[in-house]
Amino acid sequence: MGEWAVILLLFIAVAAVIVLVAVLVNQQVKAGVRLPGRAEFYIDTSRGGWRAEPQQRRAQPPPRPPTAKSRFYLKMKLRHRPNWTYPLDGKAMVYIGRRADNDLRLTDPTADIRQAVIYWESGRYKINNLSARTPTRVNKRVITKQNLGDGNTIQMGRTKLIFRDKRR
């Protein structure tokens, strides 16, 4: 017999003795056990014996980016618009590429139709390369997935964007 099987049998035997003593002495007993993994069971003689304890799982709210006014944004230097910015605040995902249905549409023919996505996860913005044809670079390094920090340069084709965090 395996080591876990012996431990389980010993536990069941001890639990049976506790229940038997409680019933004979007419005491109310409430006890529970959590086995490795997700198995749980409880003994509660005040409610009529064995019962399954409902697992209380709180629904996790979807991650939301901060909504502070223009805290996070992308910046690009253009000849005809020298201070162009794209605010990221309040947006959980921003798709970037040449196609018209992208949130940030590029006119650069060297970028892919769906080049990358910037998204909020674990308290920060991250970027994923979505293109198999054209690499996405962060600070001149080819990436597949990358955390973004203030001043990071994102390059897609010939287009360069600078990620900015006003907090820093």
C-alpha atoms as a PDB file:
ATOM      1  CA  MET A   1       0.000   0.000   0.000  1.00  0.00           C
ATOM      2  CA  GLY A   2       1.223   3.496  -0.757  1.00  0.00           C
ATOM      3  CA  GLU A   3       2.163   6.008   1.897  1.00  0.00           C
ATOM      4  CA  TRP A   4      -0.844   8.241   1.123  1.00  0.00           C
ATOM      5  CA  ALA A   5      -3.253   5.319   1.351  1.00  0.00           C
ATOM      6  CA  VAL A   6      -1.993   4.466   4.858  1.00  0.00           C
ATOM      7  CA  ILE A   7      -2.314   8.098   5.957  1.00  0.00           C
ATOM      8  CA  LEU A   8      -5.841   8.274   4.527  1.00  0.00           C
ATOM      9  CA  LEU A   9      -6.887   5.075   6.288  1.00  0.00           C
ATOM     10  CA  LEU A  10      -5.482   6.350   9.597  1.00  0.00           C
ATOM     11  CA  PHE A  11      -7.321   9.614   9.176  1.00  0.00           C
ATOM     12  CA  ILE A  12     -10.622   7.873   8.428  1.00  0.00           C
ATOM     13  CA  ALA A  13     -10.169   5.621  11.471  1.00  0.00           C
ATOM     14  CA  VAL A  14      -9.497   8.613  13.772  1.00  0.00           C
ATOM     15  CA  ALA A  15     -12.465  10.521  12.328  1.00  0.00           C
ATOM     16  CA  ALA A  16     -14.737   7.485  12.870  1.00  0.00           C
ATOM     17  CA  VAL A  17     -13.647   7.221  16.511  1.00  0.00           C
ATOM     18  CA  ILE A  18     -14.341  10.947  17.073  1.00  0.00           C
ATOM     19  CA  VAL A  19     -17.824  10.658  15.547  1.00  0.00           C
ATOM     20  CA  LEU A  20     -18.599   7.509  17.548  1.00  0.00           C
ATOM     21  CA  VAL A  21     -17.524   9.113  20.830  1.00  0.00           C
ATOM     22  CA  ALA A  22     -19.496  12.264  20.022  1.00  0.00           C
ATOM     23  CA  VAL A  23     -22.657  10.309  19.238  1.00  0.00           C
ATOM     24  CA  LEU A  24     -22.311   8.148  22.390  1.00  0.00           C
ATOM     25  CA  VAL A  25     -21.724  11.165  24.621  1.00  0.00           C
ATOM     26  CA  ASN A  26     -24.396  13.152  22.721  1.00  0.00           C
ATOM     27  CA  GLN A  27     -22.013  16.030  22.054  1.00  0.00           C
ATOM     28  CA  GLN A  28     -22.165  18.304  19.073  1.00  0.00           C
ATOM     29  CA  VAL A  29     -19.042  18.013  16.940  1.00  0.00           C
ATOM     30  CA  LYS A  30     -17.983  20.138  14.006  1.00  0.00           C
ATOM     31  CA  ALA A  31     -14.714  19.243  12.310  1.00  0.00           C
ATOM     32  CA  GLY A  32     -13.349  19.402   8.820  1.00  0.00           C
ATOM     33  CA  VAL A  33     -10.450  18.246   6.766  1.00  0.00           C
ATOM     34  CA  ARG A  34      -8.852  19.302   3.534  1.00  0.00           C
ATOM     35  CA  LEU A  35      -6.944  16.609   1.660  1.00  0.00           C
ATOM     36  CA  PRO A  36      -4.232  17.419  -0.894  1.00  0.00           C
ATOM     37  CA  GLY A  37      -5.864  18.839  -3.970  1.00  0.00           C
ATOM     38  CA  ARG A  38      -9.427  20.083  -3.679  1.00  0.00           C
ATOM     39  CA  ALA A  39     -11.071  17.296  -1.653  1.00  0.00           C
ATOM     40  CA  GLU A  40     -12.832  18.573   1.456  1.00  0.00           C
ATOM     41  CA  PHE A  41     -15.304  17.034   3.869  1.00  0.00           C
ATOM     42  CA  TYR A  42     -16.769  18.039   7.201  1.00  0.00           C
ATOM     43  CA  ILE A  43     -18.380  16.287  10.146  1.00  0.00           C
ATOM     44  CA  ASP A  44     -21.142  18.251  11.855  1.00  0.00           C
ATOM     45  CA  THR A  45     -23.373  16.269  14.235  1.00  0.00           C
ATOM     46  CA  SER A  46     -25.382  19.378  15.120  1.00  0.00           C
ATOM     47  CA  ARG A  47     -26.900  19.365  11.642  1.00  0.00           C
ATOM     48  CA  GLY A  48     -27.521  15.686  11.284  1.00  0.00           C
ATOM     49  CA  GLY A  49     -24.174  14.173  10.339  1.00  0.00           C
ATOM     50  CA  TRP A  50     -22.034  14.384   7.231  1.00  0.00           C
ATOM     51  CA  ARG A  51     -22.495  17.203   4.808  1.00  0.00           C
ATOM     52  CA  ALA A  52     -20.600  18.717   1.951  1.00  0.00           C
ATOM     53  CA  GLU A  53     -19.377  22.205   2.728  1.00  0.00           C
ATOM     54  CA  PRO A  54     -20.064  24.473  -0.239  1.00  0.00           C
ATOM     55  CA  GLN A  55     -16.931  25.975  -1.651  1.00  0.00           C
ATOM     56  CA  GLN A  56     -17.094  29.722  -1.527  1.00  0.00           C
ATOM     57  CA  ARG A  57     -15.326  31.061  -4.555  1.00  0.00           C
ATOM     58  CA  ARG A  58     -15.435  34.734  -5.122  1.00  0.00           C
ATOM     59  CA  ALA A  59     -15.737  35.774  -8.702  1.00  0.00           C
ATOM     60  CA  GLN A  60     -12.624  37.701  -9.644  1.00  0.00           C
ATOM     61  CA  PRO A  61     -13.431  40.952 -11.392  1.00  0.00           C
ATOM     62  CA  PRO A  62     -11.819  41.358 -14.786  1.00  0.00           C
ATOM     63  CA  PRO A  63      -8.568  43.295 -14.659  1.00  0.00           C
ATOM     64  CA  ARG A  64      -9.188  46.967 -15.252  1.00  0.00           C
ATOM     65  CA  PRO A  65      -6.598  49.509 -16.193  1.00  0.00           C
ATOM     66  CA  PRO A  66      -6.439  52.763 -14.270  1.00  0.00           C
ATOM     67  CA  THR A  67      -8.751  55.523 -15.400  1.00  0.00           C
ATOM     68  CA  ALA A  68      -6.596  58.445 -14.305  1.00  0.00           C
ATOM     69  CA  LYS A  69      -6.615  61.085 -16.991  1.00  0.00           C
ATOM     70  CA  SER A  70      -3.781  60.445 -19.478  1.00  0.00           C
ATOM     71  CA  ARG A  71      -1.521  58.587 -17.080  1.00  0.00           C
ATOM     72  CA  PHE A  72      -0.519  55.949 -19.668  1.00  0.00           C
ATOM     73  CA  TYR A  73      -0.168  56.850 -23.327  1.00  0.00           C
ATOM     74  CA  LEU A  74       1.712  56.117 -26.537  1.00  0.00           C
ATOM     75  CA  LYS A  75       3.662  58.908 -28.172  1.00  0.00           C
ATOM     76  CA  MET A  76       4.885  59.175 -31.759  1.00  0.00           C
ATOM     77  CA  LYS A  77       6.830  61.892 -33.506  1.00  0.00           C
ATOM     78  CA  LEU A  78       5.230  62.819 -36.797  1.00  0.00           C
ATOM     79  CA  ARG A  79       6.250  65.612 -39.135  1.00  0.00           C
ATOM     80  CA  HIS A  80       2.745  66.985 -39.521  1.00  0.00           C
ATOM     81  CA  ARG A  81       1.715  66.416 -35.838  1.00  0.00           C
ATOM     82  CA  PRO A  82       4.752  66.823 -33.578  1.00  0.00           C
ATOM     83  CA  ASN A  83       3.061  65.917 -30.255  1.00  0.00           C
ATOM     84  CA  TRP A  84       0.767  63.059 -31.277  1.00  0.00           C
ATOM     85  CA  THR A  85      -0.347  60.890 -28.318  1.00  0.00           C
ATOM     86  CA  TYR A  86      -2.726  57.957 -27.931  1.00  0.00           C
ATOM     87  CA  PRO A  87      -4.143  57.582 -24.375  1.00  0.00           C
ATOM     88  CA  LEU A  88      -4.290  54.024 -22.991  1.00  0.00           C
ATOM     89  CA  ASP A  89      -6.105  54.821 -19.722  1.00  0.00           C
ATOM     90  CA  GLY A  90      -9.322  52.879 -19.204  1.00  0.00           C
ATOM     91  CA  LYS A  91      -8.616  50.535 -22.127  1.00  0.00           C
ATOM     92  CA  ALA A  92      -8.109  46.862 -21.320  1.00  0.00           C
ATOM     93  CA  MET A  93      -6.847  46.041 -24.856  1.00  0.00           C
ATOM     94  CA  VAL A  94      -5.564  48.087 -27.770  1.00  0.00           C
ATOM     95  CA  TYR A  95      -5.008  46.327 -31.107  1.00  0.00           C
ATOM     96  CA  ILE A  96      -2.415  47.876 -33.420  1.00  0.00           C
ATOM     97  CA  GLY A  97      -2.041  47.235 -37.146  1.00  0.00           C
ATOM     98  CA  ARG A  98      -2.902  48.374 -40.679  1.00  0.00           C
ATOM     99  CA  ARG A  99      -6.453  46.998 -40.788  1.00  0.00           C
ATOM    100  CA  ALA A 100      -9.308  49.471 -40.277  1.00  0.00           C
ATOM    101  CA  ASP A 101     -10.812  47.537 -37.324  1.00  0.00           C
ATOM    102  CA  ASN A 102      -7.683  48.022 -35.166  1.00  0.00           C
ATOM    103  CA  ASP A 103      -7.891  50.492 -32.295  1.00  0.00           C
ATOM    104  CA  LEU A 104      -4.664  52.141 -33.431  1.00  0.00           C
ATOM    105  CA  ARG A 105      -4.423  52.033 -37.227  1.00  0.00           C
ATOM    106  CA  LEU A 106      -0.994  52.259 -38.826  1.00  0.00           C
ATOM    107  CA  THR A 107      -0.400  53.517 -42.363  1.00  0.00           C
ATOM    108  CA  ASP A 108       3.068  51.942 -42.479  1.00  0.00           C
ATOM    109  CA  PRO A 109       3.121  49.342 -45.316  1.00  0.00           C
ATOM    110  CA  THR A 110       5.919  47.417 -43.538  1.00  0.00           C
ATOM    111  CA  ALA A 111       3.668  46.726 -40.519  1.00  0.00           C
ATOM    112  CA  ASP A 112       1.272  43.769 -40.511  1.00  0.00           C
ATOM    113  CA  ILE A 113      -2.534  44.069 -40.714  1.00  0.00           C
ATOM    114  CA  ARG A 114      -2.762  42.982 -37.050  1.00  0.00           C
ATOM    115  CA  GLN A 115       0.701  43.651 -35.653  1.00  0.00           C
ATOM    116  CA  ALA A 116       0.384  43.704 -31.865  1.00  0.00           C
ATOM    117  CA  VAL A 117      -1.907  44.098 -28.865  1.00  0.00           C
ATOM    118  CA  ILE A 118      -1.243  46.178 -25.762  1.00  0.00           C
ATOM    119  CA  TYR A 119      -3.254  44.977 -22.767  1.00  0.00           C
ATOM    120  CA  TRP A 120      -3.596  45.461 -19.004  1.00  0.00           C
ATOM    121  CA  GLU A 121      -2.628  42.483 -16.819  1.00  0.00           C
ATOM    122  CA  SER A 122      -1.364  42.113 -13.246  1.00  0.00           C
ATOM    123  CA  GLY A 123      -1.240  45.837 -12.604  1.00  0.00           C
ATOM    124  CA  ARG A 124       0.700  46.877 -15.703  1.00  0.00           C
ATOM    125  CA  TYR A 125       0.493  47.179 -19.467  1.00  0.00           C
ATOM    126  CA  LYS A 126       2.016  44.416 -21.586  1.00  0.00           C
ATOM    127  CA  ILE A 127       2.467  43.924 -25.321  1.00  0.00           C
ATOM    128  CA  ASN A 128       2.109  40.781 -27.460  1.00  0.00           C
ATOM    129  CA  ASN A 129       3.343  40.399 -31.024  1.00  0.00           C
ATOM    130  CA  LEU A 130       0.498  39.065 -33.188  1.00  0.00           C
ATOM    131  CA  SER A 131       2.347  39.060 -36.507  1.00  0.00           C
ATOM    132  CA  ALA A 132       4.035  36.026 -37.977  1.00  0.00           C
ATOM    133  CA  ARG A 133       5.418  38.105 -40.860  1.00  0.00           C
ATOM    134  CA  THR A 134       6.825  41.221 -39.182  1.00  0.00           C
ATOM    135  CA  PRO A 135       8.486  41.247 -35.758  1.00  0.00           C
ATOM    136  CA  THR A 136       7.504  43.646 -33.002  1.00  0.00           C
ATOM    137  CA  ARG A 137      10.472  45.123 -31.175  1.00  0.00           C
ATOM    138  CA  VAL A 138      10.691  46.707 -27.728  1.00  0.00           C
ATOM    139  CA  ASN A 139      13.904  48.676 -27.189  1.00  0.00           C
ATOM    140  CA  LYS A 140      15.354  47.119 -30.388  1.00  0.00           C
ATOM    141  CA  ARG A 141      14.775  43.528 -29.148  1.00  0.00           C
ATOM    142  CA  VAL A 142      12.352  41.189 -30.960  1.00  0.00           C
ATOM    143  CA  ILE A 143       9.601  40.149 -28.541  1.00  0.00           C
ATOM    144  CA  THR A 144       6.654  37.799 -28.348  1.00  0.00           C
ATOM    145  CA  LYS A 145       5.373  39.082 -24.985  1.00  0.00           C
ATOM    146  CA  GLN A 146       6.850  41.921 -22.946  1.00  0.00           C
ATOM    147  CA  ASN A 147       6.045  44.142 -19.945  1.00  0.00           C
ATOM    148  CA  LEU A 148       5.992  47.827 -20.798  1.00  0.00           C
ATOM    149  CA  GLY A 149       7.689  50.518 -18.741  1.00  0.00           C
ATOM    150  CA  ASP A 150       8.034  54.262 -19.068  1.00  0.00           C
ATOM    151  CA  GLY A 151      10.160  55.222 -22.065  1.00  0.00           C
ATOM    152  CA  ASN A 152      10.059  51.828 -23.837  1.00  0.00           C
ATOM    153  CA  THR A 153      10.325  52.211 -27.612  1.00  0.00           C
ATOM    154  CA  ILE A 154       7.967  49.928 -29.543  1.00  0.00           C
ATOM    155  CA  GLN A 155       8.798  49.361 -33.210  1.00  0.00           C
ATOM    156  CA  MET A 156       6.417  47.778 -35.715  1.00  0.00           C
ATOM    157  CA  GLY A 157       7.752  47.923 -39.236  1.00  0.00           C
ATOM    158  CA  ARG A 158       9.151  51.456 -39.596  1.00  0.00           C
ATOM    159  CA  THR A 159       6.713  52.888 -37.043  1.00  0.00           C
ATOM    160  CA  LYS A 160       8.112  53.740 -33.610  1.00  0.00           C
ATOM    161  CA  LEU A 161       5.928  54.414 -30.577  1.00  0.00           C
ATOM    162  CA  ILE A 162       7.099  55.419 -27.107  1.00  0.00           C
ATOM    163  CA  PHE A 163       5.205  54.047 -24.114  1.00  0.00           C
ATOM    164  CA  ARG A 164       4.786  56.685 -21.412  1.00  0.00           C
ATOM    165  CA  ASP A 165       3.746  56.469 -17.775  1.00  0.00           C
ATOM    166  CA  LYS A 166       3.300  59.944 -16.256  1.00  0.00           C
ATOM    167  CA  ARG A 167       3.606  58.494 -12.757  1.00  0.00           C
ATOM    168  CA  ARG A 168       7.319  57.864 -13.274  1.00  0.00           C
END
